[in-house]
Amino acid sequence: MVEDVEDISPQSKAIKSAKPAKPVLIIDNVKLKKQRLITKISEFDRVLGGGFMTDSLVLMVGDPGIGKSTLTLQICGQMAEIGRKVLYFSGEESIEQISDRANRLKIKSPIQLLNINSLETILATIKAEKPGFVVVDSVQVMASADIASHAGSISQVRYVAEQLMQLAKSTNIPILLIGHVNKEGNLAGPQVLTHLVDTVLFLEGDRFHQFRLLRTTKNRFGAVDEVGVFSMKQSGLEEVKNPSALFLEGRAENPIGSVIVPVLEGTRTFLVEVQALTSYTNFGYPKRTASGIDMNRLSIIIAVLDRYAKIKLDSSDVYINVVGGLKIGEPAIDLAVAMAIASSKMKKPLPADLVVMGEIGLSGEVRNVSQIDKRLKEADKLGFKQILSPKEVKTVEMAISLGFSL
C-alpha cells in the first residue's frame, strides 16, 4: 500500500480557478417577456399554452402511424406562412417521402428539408442558415461523433438533447423534437430527456379510429392539463371544435348497455359513450376485456356490483368499450361503467337523454365528482335532461337551474 497525497480529482483545478458569479434579483426581471409563435392550429396552440416560445425545445412523441409526421408538417407549413424560415432535419424518412406527404396535405409553403443523422452537421447548418423554426425527426436516430456509442443509446440521446437545448437558448430558435415510444407506450430513451426539454407532448389515440388527442405531461411555459382534439382525415389532422357531438355521432336509439358520461380532459369537458356487453361464458373462468379504461378499475367495479348490487357476473364474460378510441383515467366514469354492465346484464336500456357520473368506492358508496357545473353545462348543450349522480346540494341546484330531471 503506497500513500498518494496528490489531488487527482479532475475538477480540482477548475474549482480552484472558479470565480463567483453575481446574482440578480427576481424582481429586476419581472418585465422580461418572450415572444410566442402562434401556429394558427388552435388545438395545438392551446396545449402549448399559446404557441411556441422563441427559445423553447419541445418534444412530441406518439405511437408509430398515429400522425406525428403529419401534424409536424402542418405546423411547419403554418410557420412558413407567417414568414419563418423552416429547417426540417429527417433522419428516418427520405426527402421524397416527406415531399410526397406535403403534396398530399397540400402544403405549398417553402420548407427546407435535409436528410441528416449527424448532430455536428445539424448544429453547423442551423448556425449558418439562421432559421426561424427547426424540426429534428427523430432524436433517437441522431448521433454525435464525440460519443462512442450507436444512435439511440442513452448517452447519445442525452448528448443530442443537451446540444440542441443549448442552441435553442442561445439563438432564440424554437426547436421541435420528434421522439419514439416503447412497447408500453411511454417515452423511449433515458428519463433525463424529459427533464432536459421544456415541453413534452403526447399524441395518442387508436390508429384505427379517426380521433387523436394531444396532451402535455410537462410544460414550462403553460399548464399541463390542456388537451387538443384532432380528427385524422385524408387531408391531414383537422381540429375538432365540438368533440362531444362527434363522439356521440352514430349512437343507436335506446341501446342496451350504453351510457353517456361527461368526462374532464384538462379544462374541457367531453361527453363520451361507454358500452358494455355481458354474455354467458363458455369456459370455467369468465373473461374481462376493457378498451378505454383501466382493467384493474373494471375488476373493482364488477366486484362491487356482485357484493352490493347483487348482480352476479361470475358466469358472464364482461366487455367494456369507450367509443372513439378514447382512454379515460378519471374516476367519474365508474358509475357509468357499472350502469352499462347492469343494463347489459338485465337487458334493459337506459333513457336516451340520461348522463351518469360518479366514483364508486369499495364499500359500495357513490362519491361526487369535481367540477360538476362544467359537466352539466356540456350535457345541457347537447340536449341531455336527466342526470344520475350522488345527491348533493350544489349538484341539485345546478341541475335544477339547467332544467335537469334528477
Protein backbone atom coordinates (compact mmCIF):
# COMPACT_ATOMS: atom_id res chain seq x y z
CA MET A 1 0.00 0.00 0.00
CA VAL A 2 1.54 3.32 -1.08
CA GLU A 3 0.12 6.59 0.16
CA ASP A 4 -0.60 9.14 -2.61
CA VAL A 5 -1.25 12.67 -1.36
CA GLU A 6 -1.67 14.20 -4.84
CA ASP A 7 -5.11 15.63 -5.56
CA ILE A 8 -6.28 13.53 -8.51
CA SER A 9 -9.81 14.98 -8.73
CA PRO A 10 -10.40 16.12 -12.37
CA GLN A 11 -12.44 19.09 -11.11
CA SER A 12 -9.96 20.33 -8.52
CA LYS A 13 -8.19 22.80 -10.84
CA ALA A 14 -11.47 24.12 -12.19
CA ILE A 15 -12.83 24.57 -8.69
CA LYS A 16 -9.75 26.42 -7.52
CA SER A 17 -9.75 28.78 -10.52
CA ALA A 18 -13.52 29.42 -10.47
CA LYS A 19 -14.73 32.96 -9.76
CA PRO A 20 -18.01 33.77 -8.02
CA ALA A 21 -20.94 34.94 -10.15
CA LYS A 22 -23.06 37.96 -9.38
CA PRO A 23 -26.70 37.08 -8.59
CA VAL A 24 -29.63 39.24 -9.70
CA LEU A 25 -32.95 39.83 -8.02
CA ILE A 26 -36.04 38.20 -9.48
CA ILE A 27 -37.91 41.49 -9.21
CA ASP A 28 -35.42 43.05 -11.67
CA ASN A 29 -36.53 40.60 -14.38
CA VAL A 30 -40.30 40.77 -13.91
CA LYS A 31 -40.72 42.85 -17.08
CA LEU A 32 -38.89 40.28 -19.22
CA LYS A 33 -41.33 38.96 -21.84
CA LYS A 34 -40.68 36.43 -24.54
CA GLN A 35 -42.47 36.25 -27.84
CA ARG A 36 -44.78 33.35 -28.68
CA LEU A 37 -45.12 31.96 -32.18
CA ILE A 38 -48.75 31.11 -32.93
CA THR A 39 -49.17 28.23 -35.37
CA LYS A 40 -52.84 29.10 -36.10
CA ILE A 41 -53.66 25.45 -35.27
CA SER A 42 -55.76 26.43 -32.27
CA GLU A 43 -55.89 22.94 -30.70
CA PHE A 44 -52.08 22.70 -30.84
CA ASP A 45 -51.58 26.26 -29.55
CA ARG A 46 -53.99 25.54 -26.69
CA VAL A 47 -51.89 22.61 -25.47
CA LEU A 48 -48.64 24.60 -25.72
CA GLY A 49 -50.15 27.44 -23.71
CA GLY A 50 -50.49 29.90 -26.59
CA GLY A 51 -47.85 28.79 -29.12
CA PHE A 52 -44.11 28.13 -29.25
CA MET A 53 -41.80 30.20 -27.08
CA THR A 54 -38.97 31.60 -29.18
CA ASP A 55 -36.23 29.73 -27.30
CA SER A 56 -38.12 26.54 -26.42
CA LEU A 57 -37.19 22.90 -27.01
CA VAL A 58 -40.41 20.89 -27.46
CA LEU A 59 -40.56 17.10 -27.62
CA MET A 60 -43.53 15.38 -29.31
CA VAL A 61 -43.93 11.60 -29.07
CA GLY A 62 -46.53 9.05 -30.09
CA ASP A 63 -47.10 5.55 -31.42
CA PRO A 64 -45.96 4.70 -34.96
CA GLY A 65 -48.55 5.74 -37.53
CA ILE A 66 -50.51 7.90 -35.09
CA GLY A 67 -49.92 11.11 -37.10
CA LYS A 68 -46.77 12.74 -35.65
CA SER A 69 -45.20 13.40 -39.05
CA THR A 70 -48.50 14.68 -40.46
CA LEU A 71 -49.01 17.16 -37.61
CA THR A 72 -45.35 18.20 -37.77
CA LEU A 73 -45.61 19.06 -41.47
CA GLN A 74 -48.79 21.04 -40.86
CA ILE A 75 -47.01 23.01 -38.11
CA CYS A 76 -44.07 23.67 -40.44
CA GLY A 77 -46.45 24.89 -43.12
CA GLN A 78 -48.05 27.35 -40.72
CA MET A 79 -44.65 28.57 -39.52
CA ALA A 80 -43.52 29.17 -43.09
CA GLU A 81 -46.74 31.07 -43.84
CA ILE A 82 -46.05 33.61 -41.09
CA GLY A 83 -42.62 34.27 -42.58
CA ARG A 84 -40.44 31.96 -40.51
CA LYS A 85 -37.62 30.12 -42.27
CA VAL A 86 -38.18 26.41 -41.55
CA LEU A 87 -35.48 23.72 -41.47
CA TYR A 88 -36.70 20.10 -41.30
CA PHE A 89 -33.99 17.56 -40.42
CA SER A 90 -35.14 13.99 -41.04
CA GLY A 91 -33.02 11.04 -40.03
CA GLU A 92 -35.61 8.37 -40.84
CA GLU A 93 -37.64 9.37 -43.89
CA SER A 94 -36.20 10.46 -47.22
CA ILE A 95 -36.82 13.88 -48.74
CA GLU A 96 -39.05 12.23 -51.37
CA GLN A 97 -41.29 10.67 -48.72
CA ILE A 98 -41.72 13.94 -46.85
CA SER A 99 -42.34 15.85 -50.08
CA ASP A 100 -44.99 13.33 -51.12
CA ARG A 101 -46.75 13.78 -47.76
CA ALA A 102 -46.56 17.56 -48.10
CA ASN A 103 -48.21 17.33 -51.53
CA ARG A 104 -50.99 15.15 -50.10
CA LEU A 105 -51.53 17.70 -47.33
CA LYS A 106 -51.48 20.48 -49.97
CA ILE A 107 -48.69 22.37 -48.20
CA LYS A 108 -47.25 24.94 -50.58
CA SER A 109 -45.18 26.95 -48.10
CA PRO A 110 -41.37 26.91 -48.50
CA ILE A 111 -39.94 24.27 -46.15
CA GLN A 112 -36.26 23.31 -46.42
CA LEU A 113 -35.69 19.56 -45.99
CA LEU A 114 -32.45 17.79 -45.11
CA ASN A 115 -31.83 14.06 -44.68
CA ILE A 116 -29.10 14.06 -41.99
CA ASN A 117 -28.16 11.92 -38.98
CA SER A 118 -25.06 13.81 -37.80
CA LEU A 119 -25.55 16.15 -34.86
CA GLU A 120 -22.48 18.22 -35.78
CA THR A 121 -23.85 18.81 -39.30
CA ILE A 122 -27.24 19.81 -37.89
CA LEU A 123 -25.71 22.34 -35.49
CA ALA A 124 -23.46 23.81 -38.20
CA THR A 125 -26.36 24.08 -40.64
CA ILE A 126 -28.58 25.85 -38.12
CA LYS A 127 -25.84 28.36 -37.29
CA ALA A 128 -25.20 29.00 -41.00
CA GLU A 129 -28.82 29.20 -42.19
CA LYS A 130 -30.22 31.06 -39.14
CA PRO A 131 -33.75 29.61 -39.44
CA GLY A 132 -36.82 30.74 -37.52
CA PHE A 133 -38.08 27.23 -36.72
CA VAL A 134 -36.35 23.81 -36.63
CA VAL A 135 -37.67 20.23 -36.64
CA VAL A 136 -35.46 17.25 -35.75
CA ASP A 137 -37.07 13.91 -36.62
CA SER A 138 -36.25 11.97 -34.59
CA VAL A 139 -33.98 12.47 -31.59
CA GLN A 140 -33.37 8.71 -31.27
CA VAL A 141 -31.69 8.41 -34.69
CA MET A 142 -29.36 11.40 -34.38
CA ALA A 143 -25.79 10.74 -33.30
CA SER A 144 -22.66 12.67 -32.45
CA ALA A 145 -19.15 11.64 -33.44
CA ASP A 146 -17.95 12.73 -29.99
CA ILE A 147 -19.87 9.93 -28.25
CA ALA A 148 -18.55 6.39 -28.70
CA SER A 149 -21.90 4.62 -28.95
CA HIS A 150 -24.58 3.96 -31.51
CA ALA A 151 -27.56 6.23 -32.21
CA GLY A 152 -30.43 5.77 -29.80
CA SER A 153 -28.26 4.87 -26.82
CA ILE A 154 -28.74 6.65 -23.52
CA SER A 155 -25.53 8.67 -23.86
CA GLN A 156 -26.28 9.69 -27.46
CA VAL A 157 -29.88 10.76 -26.81
CA ARG A 158 -28.83 12.75 -23.77
CA TYR A 159 -25.95 14.48 -25.55
CA VAL A 160 -28.05 15.32 -28.62
CA ALA A 161 -30.79 16.84 -26.47
CA GLU A 162 -28.28 18.84 -24.41
CA GLN A 163 -26.64 20.34 -27.50
CA LEU A 164 -29.96 21.24 -29.11
CA MET A 165 -31.19 22.79 -25.86
CA GLN A 166 -28.08 24.99 -25.61
CA LEU A 167 -28.53 26.04 -29.23
CA ALA A 168 -32.21 26.91 -28.75
CA LYS A 169 -31.48 29.04 -25.66
CA SER A 170 -28.51 30.85 -27.19
CA THR A 171 -30.11 31.63 -30.57
CA ASN A 172 -33.81 32.04 -29.60
CA ILE A 173 -34.80 29.45 -32.21
CA PRO A 174 -37.71 27.16 -31.28
CA ILE A 175 -36.85 23.51 -31.93
CA LEU A 176 -39.38 20.68 -32.21
CA LEU A 177 -38.03 17.20 -31.48
CA ILE A 178 -39.87 14.06 -32.55
CA GLY A 179 -39.46 11.04 -30.27
CA HIS A 180 -40.24 7.34 -30.17
CA VAL A 181 -42.26 5.37 -27.62
CA ASN A 182 -41.54 1.93 -26.20
CA LYS A 183 -43.91 -1.04 -26.21
CA GLU A 184 -45.61 0.21 -23.03
CA GLY A 185 -46.46 3.49 -24.77
CA ASN A 186 -44.01 5.58 -22.73
CA LEU A 187 -41.23 7.82 -23.99
CA ALA A 188 -38.33 5.73 -25.27
CA GLY A 189 -34.85 6.60 -24.08
CA PRO A 190 -33.48 7.98 -20.81
CA GLN A 191 -35.76 9.78 -18.37
CA VAL A 192 -33.30 12.67 -18.39
CA LEU A 193 -34.66 13.57 -21.84
CA THR A 194 -37.93 14.58 -20.19
CA HIS A 195 -36.06 16.79 -17.72
CA LEU A 196 -33.98 18.50 -20.42
CA VAL A 197 -36.74 19.67 -22.76
CA ASP A 198 -39.17 22.49 -21.99
CA THR A 199 -42.35 20.72 -23.10
CA VAL A 200 -43.34 17.09 -23.63
CA LEU A 201 -46.32 16.42 -25.91
CA PHE A 202 -48.03 13.06 -26.36
CA LEU A 203 -50.13 12.38 -29.46
CA GLU A 204 -52.35 9.43 -28.63
CA GLY A 205 -55.35 7.56 -29.94
CA ASP A 206 -56.27 4.37 -31.72
CA ARG A 207 -54.72 4.32 -35.19
CA PHE A 208 -57.86 2.55 -36.46
CA HIS A 209 -60.10 5.37 -35.18
CA GLN A 210 -60.21 8.90 -36.52
CA PHE A 211 -59.72 10.77 -33.24
CA ARG A 212 -56.34 11.90 -31.90
CA LEU A 213 -55.69 13.56 -28.54
CA LEU A 214 -52.69 15.80 -27.94
CA ARG A 215 -51.70 16.03 -24.28
CA THR A 216 -48.79 17.55 -22.41
CA THR A 217 -47.09 15.93 -19.44
CA LYS A 218 -44.64 18.79 -18.90
CA ASN A 219 -44.79 22.44 -19.90
CA ARG A 220 -42.50 25.12 -18.53
CA PHE A 221 -44.47 27.84 -20.32
CA GLY A 222 -48.06 26.82 -19.66
CA ALA A 223 -50.50 24.44 -18.00
CA VAL A 224 -50.13 20.67 -18.19
CA ASP A 225 -53.84 19.86 -18.09
CA GLU A 226 -54.86 21.03 -21.56
CA VAL A 227 -55.82 18.64 -24.35
CA GLY A 228 -56.23 19.14 -28.09
CA VAL A 229 -58.62 17.04 -30.18
CA PHE A 230 -57.95 16.21 -33.83
CA SER A 231 -59.63 14.07 -36.44
CA MET A 232 -57.50 12.16 -38.95
CA LYS A 233 -58.68 12.84 -42.49
CA GLN A 234 -57.20 12.35 -45.95
CA SER A 235 -56.14 15.99 -45.93
CA GLY A 236 -54.35 15.64 -42.57
CA LEU A 237 -55.23 16.25 -38.95
CA GLU A 238 -58.25 18.53 -38.64
CA GLU A 239 -59.20 20.35 -35.45
CA VAL A 240 -62.37 19.20 -33.69
CA LYS A 241 -64.27 22.21 -32.39
CA ASN A 242 -67.12 20.23 -30.79
CA PRO A 243 -65.70 16.86 -29.70
CA SER A 244 -68.80 15.74 -27.77
CA ALA A 245 -71.01 15.88 -30.86
CA LEU A 246 -68.57 13.74 -32.85
CA PHE A 247 -68.03 11.22 -30.04
CA LEU A 248 -71.79 10.63 -29.83
CA GLU A 249 -72.32 10.57 -33.58
CA GLY A 250 -73.96 7.36 -34.81
CA ARG A 251 -75.31 6.28 -31.41
CA ALA A 252 -78.25 3.89 -31.70
CA GLU A 253 -81.65 4.76 -30.24
CA ASN A 254 -82.23 3.28 -26.76
CA PRO A 255 -79.33 0.83 -26.93
CA ILE A 256 -78.85 -1.79 -24.23
CA GLY A 257 -75.59 -1.46 -22.29
CA SER A 258 -74.90 2.13 -23.41
CA VAL A 259 -74.35 5.08 -21.04
CA ILE A 260 -73.27 8.69 -21.62
CA VAL A 261 -70.79 10.21 -19.17
CA PRO A 262 -69.27 13.74 -19.08
CA VAL A 263 -65.51 13.48 -18.55
CA LEU A 264 -62.91 16.16 -17.98
CA GLU A 265 -59.85 16.41 -20.19
CA GLY A 266 -57.79 19.33 -18.96
CA THR A 267 -60.03 22.39 -18.88
CA ARG A 268 -62.51 20.90 -21.35
CA THR A 269 -65.49 18.60 -20.91
CA PHE A 270 -66.40 15.80 -23.34
CA LEU A 271 -69.48 13.62 -23.50
CA VAL A 272 -68.44 10.07 -24.31
CA GLU A 273 -70.35 6.84 -24.71
CA VAL A 274 -69.49 3.83 -22.56
CA GLN A 275 -70.67 0.47 -23.91
CA ALA A 276 -70.90 -2.83 -22.05
CA LEU A 277 -71.63 -6.35 -23.23
CA THR A 278 -72.20 -9.35 -20.97
CA SER A 279 -72.51 -12.88 -22.31
CA TYR A 280 -72.54 -16.35 -20.80
CA THR A 281 -69.01 -17.70 -20.57
CA ASN A 282 -68.14 -20.96 -22.29
CA PHE A 283 -65.15 -21.53 -20.03
CA GLY A 284 -64.69 -22.03 -16.34
CA TYR A 285 -63.11 -18.61 -15.85
CA PRO A 286 -65.11 -15.56 -17.11
CA LYS A 287 -63.32 -13.15 -19.40
CA ARG A 288 -62.99 -9.42 -18.71
CA THR A 289 -61.93 -7.07 -21.51
CA ALA A 290 -61.67 -3.29 -21.29
CA SER A 291 -60.92 -0.79 -24.06
CA GLY A 292 -60.53 2.80 -22.92
CA ILE A 293 -60.48 2.25 -19.13
CA ASP A 294 -58.08 0.62 -16.71
CA MET A 295 -58.52 -3.15 -16.42
CA ASN A 296 -57.97 -3.09 -12.66
CA ARG A 297 -60.71 -0.48 -12.27
CA LEU A 298 -63.12 -2.72 -14.18
CA SER A 299 -62.37 -5.61 -11.83
CA ILE A 300 -63.16 -3.43 -8.81
CA ILE A 301 -66.48 -2.26 -10.29
CA ILE A 302 -67.51 -5.86 -11.09
CA ALA A 303 -66.66 -6.92 -7.52
CA VAL A 304 -68.74 -4.07 -6.06
CA LEU A 305 -71.70 -4.94 -8.32
CA ASP A 306 -71.51 -8.56 -7.18
CA ARG A 307 -71.23 -7.71 -3.48
CA TYR A 308 -73.59 -4.76 -3.01
CA ALA A 309 -75.88 -4.66 -6.07
CA LYS A 310 -76.37 -8.48 -6.10
CA ILE A 311 -75.62 -8.60 -9.84
CA LYS A 312 -73.90 -11.94 -10.34
CA LEU A 313 -71.26 -11.87 -13.05
CA ASP A 314 -69.21 -14.94 -12.06
CA SER A 315 -70.56 -16.85 -15.08
CA SER A 316 -70.56 -13.94 -17.54
CA ASP A 317 -67.91 -12.50 -19.81
CA VAL A 318 -67.79 -8.69 -19.50
CA TYR A 319 -66.61 -6.40 -22.31
CA ILE A 320 -66.26 -2.62 -21.89
CA ASN A 321 -65.59 -0.13 -24.66
CA VAL A 322 -65.22 3.67 -24.70
CA VAL A 323 -66.43 4.77 -28.13
CA GLY A 324 -63.99 6.68 -30.30
CA GLY A 325 -60.80 5.04 -29.08
CA LEU A 326 -60.52 7.38 -26.08
CA LYS A 327 -58.70 6.43 -22.89
CA ILE A 328 -60.42 7.70 -19.76
CA GLY A 329 -58.49 7.74 -16.49
CA GLU A 330 -60.67 9.80 -14.16
CA PRO A 331 -62.89 8.02 -11.58
CA ALA A 332 -66.06 9.88 -12.68
CA ILE A 333 -66.61 7.10 -15.22
CA ASP A 334 -67.07 4.41 -12.53
CA LEU A 335 -70.83 4.78 -12.16
CA ALA A 336 -71.31 4.87 -15.93
CA VAL A 337 -69.41 1.59 -16.32
CA ALA A 338 -71.47 -0.02 -13.56
CA MET A 339 -74.75 1.17 -15.11
CA ALA A 340 -73.71 -0.05 -18.55
CA ILE A 341 -72.87 -3.51 -17.17
CA ALA A 342 -76.17 -3.66 -15.28
CA SER A 343 -78.11 -2.56 -18.38
CA SER A 344 -76.50 -5.27 -20.49
CA LYS A 345 -76.93 -7.97 -17.84
CA MET A 346 -80.63 -7.16 -17.25
CA LYS A 347 -81.27 -6.41 -20.95
CA LYS A 348 -82.86 -3.06 -20.08
CA PRO A 349 -81.92 0.16 -21.93
CA LEU A 350 -81.33 3.41 -20.06
CA PRO A 351 -83.06 6.69 -21.05
CA ALA A 352 -81.51 8.25 -24.15
CA ASP A 353 -81.26 11.71 -22.51
CA LEU A 354 -79.54 10.46 -19.33
CA VAL A 355 -75.98 11.32 -18.26
CA VAL A 356 -74.28 9.35 -15.48
CA MET A 357 -71.29 10.35 -13.34
CA GLY A 358 -69.89 9.25 -10.03
CA GLU A 359 -66.98 7.50 -8.35
CA ILE A 360 -67.61 4.08 -6.79
CA GLY A 361 -65.91 3.14 -3.52
CA LEU A 362 -65.04 -0.34 -2.24
CA SER A 363 -67.83 -0.22 0.32
CA GLY A 364 -70.42 0.36 -2.39
CA GLU A 365 -70.83 4.10 -1.87
CA VAL A 366 -71.04 6.51 -4.81
CA ARG A 367 -68.99 9.67 -4.38
CA ASN A 368 -69.44 13.02 -6.08
CA VAL A 369 -67.10 14.21 -8.83
CA SER A 370 -65.29 17.51 -9.30
CA GLN A 371 -66.39 20.46 -11.45
CA ILE A 372 -69.98 19.28 -11.69
CA ASP A 373 -71.09 22.61 -13.17
CA LYS A 374 -68.92 22.22 -16.27
CA ARG A 375 -70.16 18.67 -16.84
CA LEU A 376 -73.81 19.65 -16.55
CA LYS A 377 -73.43 22.62 -18.88
CA GLU A 378 -71.87 20.41 -21.57
CA ALA A 379 -74.66 17.86 -21.18
CA ASP A 380 -77.33 20.57 -21.35
CA LYS A 381 -75.76 21.99 -24.51
CA LEU A 382 -76.29 18.67 -26.30
CA GLY A 383 -79.84 18.16 -25.10
CA PHE A 384 -79.46 15.77 -22.15
CA LYS A 385 -82.05 16.44 -19.45
CA GLN A 386 -81.70 13.63 -16.90
CA ILE A 387 -78.79 13.15 -14.50
CA LEU A 388 -77.76 10.24 -12.30
CA SER A 389 -75.12 11.21 -9.73
CA PRO A 390 -74.62 11.50 -5.95
CA LYS A 391 -77.20 13.86 -4.50
CA GLU A 392 -75.54 16.97 -3.14
CA VAL A 393 -76.89 20.48 -2.67
CA LYS A 394 -74.62 22.04 -5.27
CA THR A 395 -75.41 19.34 -7.84
CA VAL A 396 -79.17 19.65 -7.24
CA GLU A 397 -79.13 23.44 -7.51
CA MET A 398 -77.10 23.43 -10.71
CA ALA A 399 -79.22 20.67 -12.30
CA ILE A 400 -82.49 22.43 -11.46
CA SER A 401 -81.25 25.73 -12.85
CA LEU A 402 -80.43 23.99 -16.15
CA GLY A 403 -83.74 22.13 -16.28
CA PHE A 404 -82.47 18.62 -15.48
CA SER A 405 -84.62 15.84 -14.04
CA LEU A 406 -82.97 14.23 -11.01
